[in-house]
Amino acid sequence: MEKQIKLDEKSAQEFVSAASKCKFDIDVFYNRIIIDAKSILGLLSLDLTKTLTVKCYGEDEDFNRVLSKYAAG
């Protein structure tokens, strides 16, 4: 599953916290950069003014709720 999201520094913490509770891999993409969604330092190294793409390799209801909260567009 892929979704487009927009984050700021504060929402990035909530996003990483929710991602860390998932038992499957989650990647965040921007241009050619791929970051593990469970890494706060990795996520903060991205340009958070841009729309990011999140790719989930599993399904989690709570994480989907967080994704919907920060959906771009």
Protein backbone atom coordinates (compact mmCIF):
# COMPACT_ATOMS: atom_id res chain seq x y z
CA MET A 1 0.00 0.00 0.00
CA GLU A 2 1.28 3.47 -0.87
CA LYS A 3 0.11 6.84 0.48
CA GLN A 4 1.20 10.45 0.12
CA ILE A 5 1.69 12.36 3.39
CA LYS A 6 2.87 15.75 4.66
CA LEU A 7 4.67 15.98 8.01
CA ASP A 8 6.28 18.61 10.19
CA GLU A 9 8.77 17.95 13.00
CA LYS A 10 6.08 17.42 15.63
CA SER A 11 3.92 15.09 13.51
CA ALA A 12 7.08 13.19 12.46
CA GLN A 13 7.49 12.03 16.06
CA GLU A 14 3.93 10.68 16.19
CA PHE A 15 4.39 9.05 12.78
CA VAL A 16 7.64 7.27 13.81
CA SER A 17 6.08 6.20 17.11
CA ALA A 18 3.10 4.64 15.30
CA ALA A 19 5.36 3.03 12.67
CA SER A 20 7.57 1.52 15.38
CA LYS A 21 4.60 -0.41 16.78
CA CYS A 22 4.08 -2.21 13.45
CA LYS A 23 5.58 -5.66 12.96
CA PHE A 24 6.20 -5.08 9.23
CA ASP A 25 8.54 -2.81 7.26
CA ILE A 26 7.48 0.71 6.32
CA ASP A 27 9.52 2.90 3.98
CA VAL A 28 9.31 6.62 3.33
CA PHE A 29 10.36 7.86 -0.11
CA TYR A 30 11.33 11.28 -1.37
CA ASN A 31 12.95 11.55 -4.81
CA ARG A 32 15.55 8.76 -4.78
CA ILE A 33 15.93 8.67 -1.01
CA ILE A 34 14.42 5.76 0.94
CA ILE A 35 14.17 6.02 4.73
CA ASP A 36 13.01 3.47 7.30
CA ALA A 37 9.81 4.95 8.75
CA LYS A 38 10.84 3.73 12.21
CA SER A 39 13.92 6.02 12.21
CA ILE A 40 13.26 9.50 13.62
CA LEU A 41 16.70 10.74 12.56
CA GLY A 42 16.19 9.40 9.05
CA LEU A 43 12.79 11.02 8.75
CA LEU A 44 14.00 14.37 10.09
CA SER A 45 16.84 14.31 7.55
CA LEU A 46 14.25 14.55 4.75
CA ASP A 47 12.83 17.85 3.50
CA LEU A 48 9.59 17.90 5.49
CA THR A 49 8.21 20.77 3.41
CA LYS A 50 7.70 18.27 0.57
CA THR A 51 5.08 15.55 0.09
CA LEU A 52 6.47 12.16 1.10
CA THR A 53 5.42 8.72 -0.14
CA VAL A 54 4.90 5.98 2.45
CA LYS A 55 5.01 2.33 1.41
CA CYS A 56 3.70 -0.28 3.88
CA TYR A 57 4.51 -3.97 3.62
CA GLY A 58 1.67 -5.01 5.89
CA GLU A 59 -1.59 -3.78 7.40
CA ASP A 60 -2.22 -2.12 10.78
CA GLU A 61 -5.42 -0.29 11.67
CA ASP A 62 -3.83 2.16 14.14
CA PHE A 63 -1.04 3.06 11.72
CA ASN A 64 -3.58 3.56 8.91
CA ARG A 65 -5.36 6.07 11.15
CA VAL A 66 -2.12 8.04 11.62
CA LEU A 67 -1.48 7.91 7.86
CA SER A 68 -4.96 9.27 7.15
CA LYS A 69 -4.37 12.10 9.60
CA TYR A 70 -1.35 13.32 7.61
CA ALA A 71 -2.59 12.49 4.12
CA ALA A 72 -1.47 15.03 1.51
CA GLY A 73 -4.10 16.68 -0.61
